[in-house]
Amino acid sequence: MLATGMLLGILGIACTTAHAQVQLYGAIDNYVSYDSGGKGGSTQVGSGAGATSRFGFTGTEDLGGGLQSGFRLESGLNTANGTLQSTNTIFNREANLWLSSHELGMLKIGRQFPTIFPLSAQVDPFALTKFSLLSNMVYQTSDLGGGAVGIDSRVPNAVSYTTPDFGGFTAQVLYATSTATPSGSPPHTTGVLGQYDDGRLYVGASYNLVRNDFSQTTDHYGAGMSYKLGATVLSFAWNRIVPREATGRIVSAYLLGATIPFDVHVIKISLVERLVAGGGNHAFGALGGYEYLLSKRTALYTRVGWIDNNGASALTLDNAQAAAGRDVFVTALGITHRF
């Protein structure tokens, strides 16, 4: 009831301040899938395979002299059952304010993307959605031991600065902290990103240090590039995750991707190899997608994904049951509407 009341209040404010350039936006995405893994398979209805279901508000104000202020509030949804993506948290995806100018860059405060995200968005054909191999394989830390800490998809309590564009080159730094910890040493995230984008070629590199409540620290390294050949986008990414505890295992992962649009059709392909040092865990993943654009806002899509787990690897897609060394196969049919 509290979440509903807050949401209705925000909607009312947005309606009464439309003249102040406040915009409502979002996407609704539902699908039907068949998942097989472990000992059996299942059919289910889900949300977020083609695009993450969400709604948000964003707004800007011209302060004069080339300076702007702005904000973004964004909430994830499970539109298969109507619940929030994150229990008891309305704006789990973004909740931030910023000041920006072409000459000075952007200062942003609040819940926001980690510095790896701009790089990931450029190289992942499936844009870190629910079936994305980058999300489900490359960024996984559950089998690395040593208190390995993953990167949050959104970083709370964060302050970031992004430089102005210098002929296609930009850089970003981010720091986030929290104070309530069992160890007395606050967890934090530190991130840096350097990237070049001329509209055809993109090249980026990112480093993130993540420390949890128990002062266990993990280093995340990432690099990637994408290149446009006409309308087709080809991409490559490399990631390395290094837990600093002696009992941790290092993982390296490689991604090849392609997005091939023609007329009202879009084909997407993603291939990932993941290698865990010293653990005998090896996994290979392949994901294919096809989209039929009914309009600029609505699309039908299919997804076919497969993960070949070896050794102790038990990675999965969707909600397929995974077991060590067992393959996972997922196929889905869905529809996305953006507004």
Protein backbone atom coordinates (compact mmCIF):
# COMPACT_ATOMS: atom_id res chain seq x y z
CA MET A 1 0.00 0.00 0.00
CA LEU A 2 2.85 2.39 0.81
CA ALA A 3 4.51 1.73 -2.56
CA THR A 4 1.18 2.24 -4.35
CA GLY A 5 0.55 5.52 -2.55
CA MET A 6 4.03 6.82 -3.35
CA LEU A 7 3.66 5.83 -6.99
CA LEU A 8 0.29 7.58 -7.33
CA GLY A 9 1.77 10.68 -5.73
CA ILE A 10 4.69 10.72 -8.15
CA LEU A 11 2.35 10.25 -11.11
CA GLY A 12 0.32 13.22 -9.89
CA ILE A 13 3.41 15.39 -9.59
CA ALA A 14 4.54 14.37 -13.07
CA CYS A 15 1.15 15.30 -14.52
CA THR A 16 1.07 18.71 -12.84
CA THR A 17 4.66 19.58 -13.83
CA ALA A 18 4.62 18.46 -17.44
CA HIS A 19 5.56 22.02 -18.48
CA ALA A 20 8.86 21.56 -16.60
CA GLN A 21 10.01 18.92 -19.12
CA VAL A 22 9.26 15.88 -16.95
CA GLN A 23 8.92 12.77 -19.10
CA LEU A 24 7.33 9.39 -18.35
CA TYR A 25 8.91 6.48 -20.23
CA GLY A 26 9.28 2.73 -20.02
CA ALA A 27 8.82 -0.71 -21.53
CA ILE A 28 6.53 -3.70 -21.01
CA ASP A 29 7.97 -7.07 -21.94
CA ASN A 30 6.41 -10.52 -21.43
CA TYR A 31 7.31 -13.94 -22.81
CA VAL A 32 6.58 -17.66 -22.67
CA SER A 33 9.61 -19.94 -22.36
CA TYR A 34 10.63 -23.57 -22.16
CA ASP A 35 13.65 -24.25 -19.96
CA SER A 36 15.58 -27.50 -19.62
CA GLY A 37 18.48 -28.12 -17.27
CA GLY A 38 19.52 -30.48 -14.50
CA LYS A 39 16.98 -33.32 -14.44
CA GLY A 40 14.07 -31.87 -16.37
CA GLY A 41 12.35 -28.97 -18.07
CA SER A 42 9.50 -26.56 -17.48
CA THR A 43 7.31 -24.02 -19.24
CA GLN A 44 6.75 -20.62 -17.70
CA VAL A 45 5.60 -17.07 -18.30
CA GLY A 46 8.17 -14.39 -17.54
CA SER A 47 9.09 -10.76 -18.01
CA GLY A 48 12.20 -9.05 -19.37
CA ALA A 49 13.71 -11.33 -22.02
CA GLY A 50 13.50 -8.81 -24.87
CA ALA A 51 13.75 -5.64 -22.77
CA THR A 52 13.61 -5.07 -19.04
CA SER A 53 10.06 -4.15 -18.03
CA ARG A 54 10.26 -0.77 -16.32
CA PHE A 55 8.88 2.71 -15.96
CA GLY A 56 10.64 5.91 -15.12
CA PHE A 57 10.56 9.67 -14.87
CA THR A 58 13.27 11.97 -16.11
CA GLY A 59 13.51 15.72 -16.35
CA THR A 60 15.95 18.51 -17.11
CA GLU A 61 16.13 22.24 -16.50
CA ASP A 62 18.25 24.78 -18.37
CA LEU A 63 20.06 26.85 -15.74
CA GLY A 64 21.67 29.18 -18.26
CA GLY A 65 25.30 29.59 -19.24
CA GLY A 66 25.38 26.11 -20.73
CA LEU A 67 24.55 24.46 -17.37
CA GLN A 68 21.71 21.96 -16.92
CA SER A 69 20.26 20.11 -13.96
CA GLY A 70 18.37 16.84 -14.25
CA PHE A 71 17.06 13.79 -12.48
CA ARG A 72 16.02 10.20 -13.17
CA LEU A 73 13.78 7.86 -11.17
CA GLU A 74 13.40 4.37 -12.67
CA SER A 75 11.71 1.22 -11.38
CA GLY A 76 11.94 -2.34 -12.65
CA LEU A 77 8.77 -4.42 -12.91
CA ASN A 78 7.77 -8.03 -13.35
CA THR A 79 4.85 -7.47 -15.74
CA ALA A 80 4.06 -11.19 -15.85
CA ASN A 81 2.56 -10.85 -12.36
CA GLY A 82 2.51 -7.09 -11.71
CA THR A 83 5.09 -6.98 -8.90
CA LEU A 84 8.07 -4.71 -8.38
CA GLN A 85 11.40 -6.08 -9.59
CA SER A 86 12.88 -5.39 -6.16
CA THR A 87 10.70 -5.99 -3.10
CA ASN A 88 9.89 -2.83 -1.12
CA THR A 89 12.11 -0.70 -3.37
CA ILE A 90 10.27 1.39 -5.94
CA PHE A 91 13.15 3.00 -7.81
CA ASN A 92 15.59 0.09 -7.75
CA ARG A 93 17.11 0.89 -11.15
CA GLU A 94 17.95 4.58 -10.84
CA ALA A 95 17.35 7.42 -8.39
CA ASN A 96 19.74 10.30 -9.00
CA LEU A 97 20.30 14.00 -9.66
CA TRP A 98 22.94 15.60 -11.87
CA LEU A 99 24.49 18.86 -13.04
CA SER A 100 26.08 18.95 -16.48
CA SER A 101 27.56 21.17 -19.16
CA HIS A 102 29.42 20.61 -22.42
CA GLU A 103 32.48 22.40 -21.03
CA LEU A 104 32.60 20.96 -17.50
CA GLY A 105 31.14 17.46 -17.81
CA MET A 106 28.57 15.82 -15.51
CA LEU A 107 28.40 15.36 -11.74
CA LYS A 108 25.81 12.77 -10.67
CA ILE A 109 24.72 11.78 -7.15
CA GLY A 110 22.50 8.86 -6.16
CA ARG A 111 21.68 5.33 -7.28
CA GLN A 112 23.18 4.84 -10.75
CA PHE A 113 24.93 2.49 -13.16
CA PRO A 114 28.44 1.21 -12.33
CA THR A 115 31.21 2.33 -14.67
CA ILE A 116 31.16 -1.04 -16.44
CA PHE A 117 27.66 -0.37 -17.81
CA PRO A 118 28.44 2.06 -20.67
CA LEU A 119 30.97 -0.48 -21.92
CA SER A 120 28.57 -3.42 -21.49
CA ALA A 121 25.77 -1.59 -23.30
CA GLN A 122 28.01 -1.12 -26.33
CA VAL A 123 29.25 -4.71 -26.64
CA ASP A 124 26.27 -6.86 -25.54
CA PRO A 125 23.75 -7.45 -28.38
CA PHE A 126 21.14 -8.38 -25.73
CA ALA A 127 21.70 -5.23 -23.63
CA LEU A 128 22.06 -7.02 -20.26
CA THR A 129 18.46 -8.26 -20.36
CA LYS A 130 17.24 -11.38 -18.57
CA PHE A 131 18.67 -13.81 -21.15
CA SER A 132 21.95 -11.93 -21.64
CA LEU A 133 25.04 -14.14 -21.49
CA LEU A 134 27.03 -11.16 -20.26
CA SER A 135 24.76 -10.96 -17.21
CA ASN A 136 24.34 -14.70 -16.62
CA MET A 137 27.87 -15.93 -17.35
CA VAL A 138 30.50 -13.21 -17.57
CA TYR A 139 29.60 -11.27 -14.40
CA GLN A 140 28.87 -14.30 -12.18
CA THR A 141 30.95 -14.71 -9.00
CA SER A 142 29.02 -17.42 -7.10
CA ASP A 143 31.54 -20.18 -7.93
CA LEU A 144 34.75 -18.19 -7.32
CA GLY A 145 35.02 -18.63 -3.53
CA GLY A 146 37.12 -16.27 -1.45
CA GLY A 147 34.13 -14.07 -0.70
CA ALA A 148 34.06 -12.93 -4.31
CA VAL A 149 31.86 -9.86 -4.69
CA GLY A 150 29.90 -9.13 -7.86
CA ILE A 151 29.27 -5.70 -9.32
CA ASP A 152 25.83 -4.32 -8.50
CA SER A 153 23.75 -3.64 -11.60
CA ARG A 154 22.95 -0.31 -9.92
CA VAL A 155 25.23 1.27 -7.34
CA PRO A 156 23.54 3.00 -4.37
CA ASN A 157 25.00 5.94 -2.45
CA ALA A 158 27.20 6.83 -5.42
CA VAL A 159 28.90 9.96 -6.70
CA SER A 160 30.26 10.00 -10.25
CA TYR A 161 31.93 12.46 -12.58
CA THR A 162 32.00 12.16 -16.36
CA THR A 163 34.32 14.36 -18.39
CA PRO A 164 33.26 16.42 -21.38
CA ASP A 165 33.60 14.82 -24.82
CA PHE A 166 37.10 15.43 -26.21
CA GLY A 167 36.78 14.43 -29.87
CA GLY A 168 35.05 11.17 -29.00
CA PHE A 169 37.05 10.47 -25.81
CA THR A 170 35.33 10.50 -22.41
CA ALA A 171 36.21 9.23 -18.95
CA GLN A 172 34.22 8.52 -15.81
CA VAL A 173 35.06 7.95 -12.13
CA LEU A 174 32.63 6.69 -9.47
CA TYR A 175 32.76 6.14 -5.73
CA ALA A 176 30.03 4.71 -3.50
CA THR A 177 29.96 3.75 0.16
CA SER A 178 27.69 2.56 2.96
CA THR A 179 28.15 2.76 6.73
CA ALA A 180 26.20 -0.17 8.23
CA THR A 181 28.61 -3.14 8.20
CA PRO A 182 29.33 -6.13 10.48
CA SER A 183 33.10 -5.67 10.14
CA GLY A 184 33.12 -1.96 10.90
CA SER A 185 34.85 -1.31 7.58
CA PRO A 186 32.32 0.14 5.15
CA PRO A 187 31.70 -1.61 1.84
CA HIS A 188 32.38 0.48 -1.18
CA THR A 189 32.60 0.50 -4.95
CA THR A 190 35.24 2.38 -6.88
CA GLY A 191 35.04 2.50 -10.65
CA VAL A 192 36.83 4.12 -13.57
CA LEU A 193 36.04 4.04 -17.28
CA GLY A 194 37.79 5.33 -20.39
CA GLN A 195 36.12 5.16 -23.78
CA TYR A 196 36.25 6.38 -27.35
CA ASP A 197 33.23 6.56 -29.65
CA ASP A 198 33.17 8.15 -33.10
CA GLY A 199 29.75 6.78 -34.08
CA ARG A 200 31.21 3.79 -35.94
CA LEU A 201 34.04 2.52 -33.72
CA TYR A 202 33.67 2.15 -29.95
CA VAL A 203 36.54 1.14 -27.65
CA GLY A 204 36.30 1.08 -23.86
CA ALA A 205 38.11 -0.17 -20.76
CA SER A 206 36.83 -0.29 -17.18
CA TYR A 207 38.10 -1.18 -13.71
CA ASN A 208 35.92 -1.67 -10.64
CA LEU A 209 36.95 -2.46 -7.08
CA VAL A 210 34.10 -3.86 -4.98
CA ARG A 211 34.31 -4.51 -1.24
CA ASN A 212 31.52 -6.16 0.76
CA ASP A 213 30.38 -5.83 4.38
CA PHE A 214 33.14 -8.18 5.57
CA SER A 215 35.96 -6.24 3.87
CA GLN A 216 36.36 -8.92 1.20
CA THR A 217 37.50 -7.22 -1.98
CA THR A 218 37.21 -8.20 -5.64
CA ASP A 219 38.77 -6.55 -8.69
CA HIS A 220 36.77 -6.44 -11.91
CA TYR A 221 38.50 -5.66 -15.21
CA GLY A 222 36.71 -5.20 -18.51
CA ALA A 223 37.50 -4.11 -22.04
CA GLY A 224 35.62 -4.24 -25.29
CA MET A 225 34.95 -2.78 -28.68
CA SER A 226 32.20 -2.61 -31.26
CA TYR A 227 32.31 -1.65 -34.92
CA LYS A 228 29.55 -0.77 -37.37
CA LEU A 229 29.66 -2.25 -40.87
CA GLY A 230 26.74 -0.45 -42.45
CA ALA A 231 23.83 -1.25 -40.15
CA THR A 232 25.50 -4.39 -38.71
CA VAL A 233 27.28 -4.09 -35.35
CA LEU A 234 30.08 -6.52 -34.46
CA SER A 235 31.42 -6.62 -30.89
CA PHE A 236 34.06 -8.21 -28.67
CA ALA A 237 34.53 -8.11 -24.89
CA TRP A 238 37.05 -9.41 -22.36
CA ASN A 239 36.44 -9.57 -18.62
CA ARG A 240 38.54 -10.75 -15.70
CA ILE A 241 37.37 -11.07 -12.08
CA VAL A 242 40.00 -11.41 -9.33
CA PRO A 243 38.98 -12.05 -5.69
CA ARG A 244 41.75 -10.83 -3.37
CA GLU A 245 41.20 -13.53 -0.74
CA ALA A 246 43.70 -16.42 -1.00
CA THR A 247 40.88 -18.95 -1.40
CA GLY A 248 39.38 -17.11 -4.38
CA ARG A 249 39.58 -18.25 -7.99
CA ILE A 250 40.18 -15.98 -10.98
CA VAL A 251 37.81 -16.08 -13.93
CA SER A 252 38.36 -14.85 -17.48
CA ALA A 253 35.56 -14.53 -20.02
CA TYR A 254 35.34 -13.62 -23.70
CA LEU A 255 32.34 -12.49 -25.70
CA LEU A 256 31.69 -12.21 -29.44
CA GLY A 257 28.49 -10.53 -30.57
CA ALA A 258 26.64 -9.38 -33.65
CA THR A 259 23.48 -7.36 -34.30
CA ILE A 260 22.20 -7.57 -37.87
CA PRO A 261 19.16 -5.41 -38.75
CA PHE A 262 17.47 -5.44 -42.15
CA ASP A 263 14.13 -3.86 -42.97
CA VAL A 264 11.79 -4.83 -40.07
CA HIS A 265 13.95 -7.78 -38.98
CA VAL A 266 16.78 -7.92 -36.43
CA ILE A 267 19.06 -10.91 -35.80
CA LYS A 268 21.22 -11.00 -32.67
CA ILE A 269 24.00 -13.44 -31.78
CA SER A 270 26.15 -13.76 -28.66
CA LEU A 271 28.89 -16.32 -27.89
CA VAL A 272 30.68 -16.53 -24.53
CA GLU A 273 33.54 -18.65 -23.20
CA ARG A 274 34.18 -18.61 -19.44
CA LEU A 275 37.28 -20.11 -17.79
CA VAL A 276 37.80 -20.41 -14.02
CA ALA A 277 41.44 -20.89 -13.02
CA GLY A 278 42.15 -23.80 -10.70
CA GLY A 279 38.53 -24.81 -10.31
CA GLY A 280 38.03 -27.03 -13.34
CA ASN A 281 35.00 -24.92 -14.20
CA HIS A 282 34.56 -24.18 -17.86
CA ALA A 283 31.42 -23.03 -19.64
CA PHE A 284 30.49 -22.07 -23.18
CA GLY A 285 27.30 -20.22 -24.02
CA ALA A 286 25.46 -19.39 -27.22
CA LEU A 287 22.42 -17.15 -27.52
CA GLY A 288 20.49 -16.29 -30.66
CA GLY A 289 17.64 -13.87 -31.07
CA TYR A 290 15.24 -12.71 -33.76
CA GLU A 291 13.01 -9.63 -33.58
CA TYR A 292 10.18 -8.59 -35.89
CA LEU A 293 9.46 -4.87 -35.59
CA LEU A 294 5.72 -4.30 -35.73
CA SER A 295 6.36 -0.56 -35.24
CA LYS A 296 9.00 1.74 -33.76
CA ARG A 297 7.72 0.83 -30.29
CA THR A 298 6.44 -2.76 -30.52
CA ALA A 299 8.29 -5.95 -31.48
CA LEU A 300 7.78 -9.70 -31.44
CA TYR A 301 10.87 -11.73 -30.59
CA THR A 302 12.32 -15.18 -30.08
CA ARG A 303 15.31 -16.28 -28.00
CA VAL A 304 17.22 -19.56 -28.09
CA GLY A 305 19.99 -20.02 -25.53
CA TRP A 306 22.33 -22.84 -24.55
CA ILE A 307 25.02 -23.13 -21.87
CA ASP A 308 27.46 -26.03 -21.95
CA ASN A 309 28.60 -26.50 -18.33
CA ASN A 310 31.74 -28.50 -17.61
CA GLY A 311 33.33 -29.58 -14.34
CA ALA A 312 31.68 -27.85 -11.38
CA SER A 313 30.16 -25.12 -13.54
CA ALA A 314 26.38 -24.79 -12.99
CA LEU A 315 25.48 -21.57 -14.80
CA THR A 316 21.91 -21.10 -15.98
CA LEU A 317 19.52 -18.93 -18.01
CA ASP A 318 16.00 -17.79 -17.15
CA ASN A 319 14.95 -19.99 -14.20
CA ALA A 320 16.15 -23.30 -15.62
CA GLN A 321 17.31 -25.78 -12.99
CA ALA A 322 21.08 -26.11 -13.22
CA ALA A 323 23.36 -28.88 -12.02
CA ALA A 324 27.15 -29.11 -12.09
CA GLY A 325 28.36 -30.22 -15.49
CA ARG A 326 24.87 -30.29 -17.02
CA ASP A 327 23.80 -28.30 -20.07
CA VAL A 328 21.02 -25.72 -19.97
CA PHE A 329 18.72 -25.02 -22.93
CA VAL A 330 16.16 -22.21 -23.02
CA THR A 331 13.82 -21.00 -25.75
CA ALA A 332 11.34 -18.13 -25.52
CA LEU A 333 8.71 -16.26 -27.53
CA GLY A 334 7.70 -12.78 -26.41
CA ILE A 335 6.55 -9.25 -27.16
CA THR A 336 7.96 -5.86 -26.14
CA HIS A 337 6.18 -2.50 -26.15
CA ARG A 338 8.09 0.70 -25.36
CA PHE A 339 6.52 4.00 -24.39
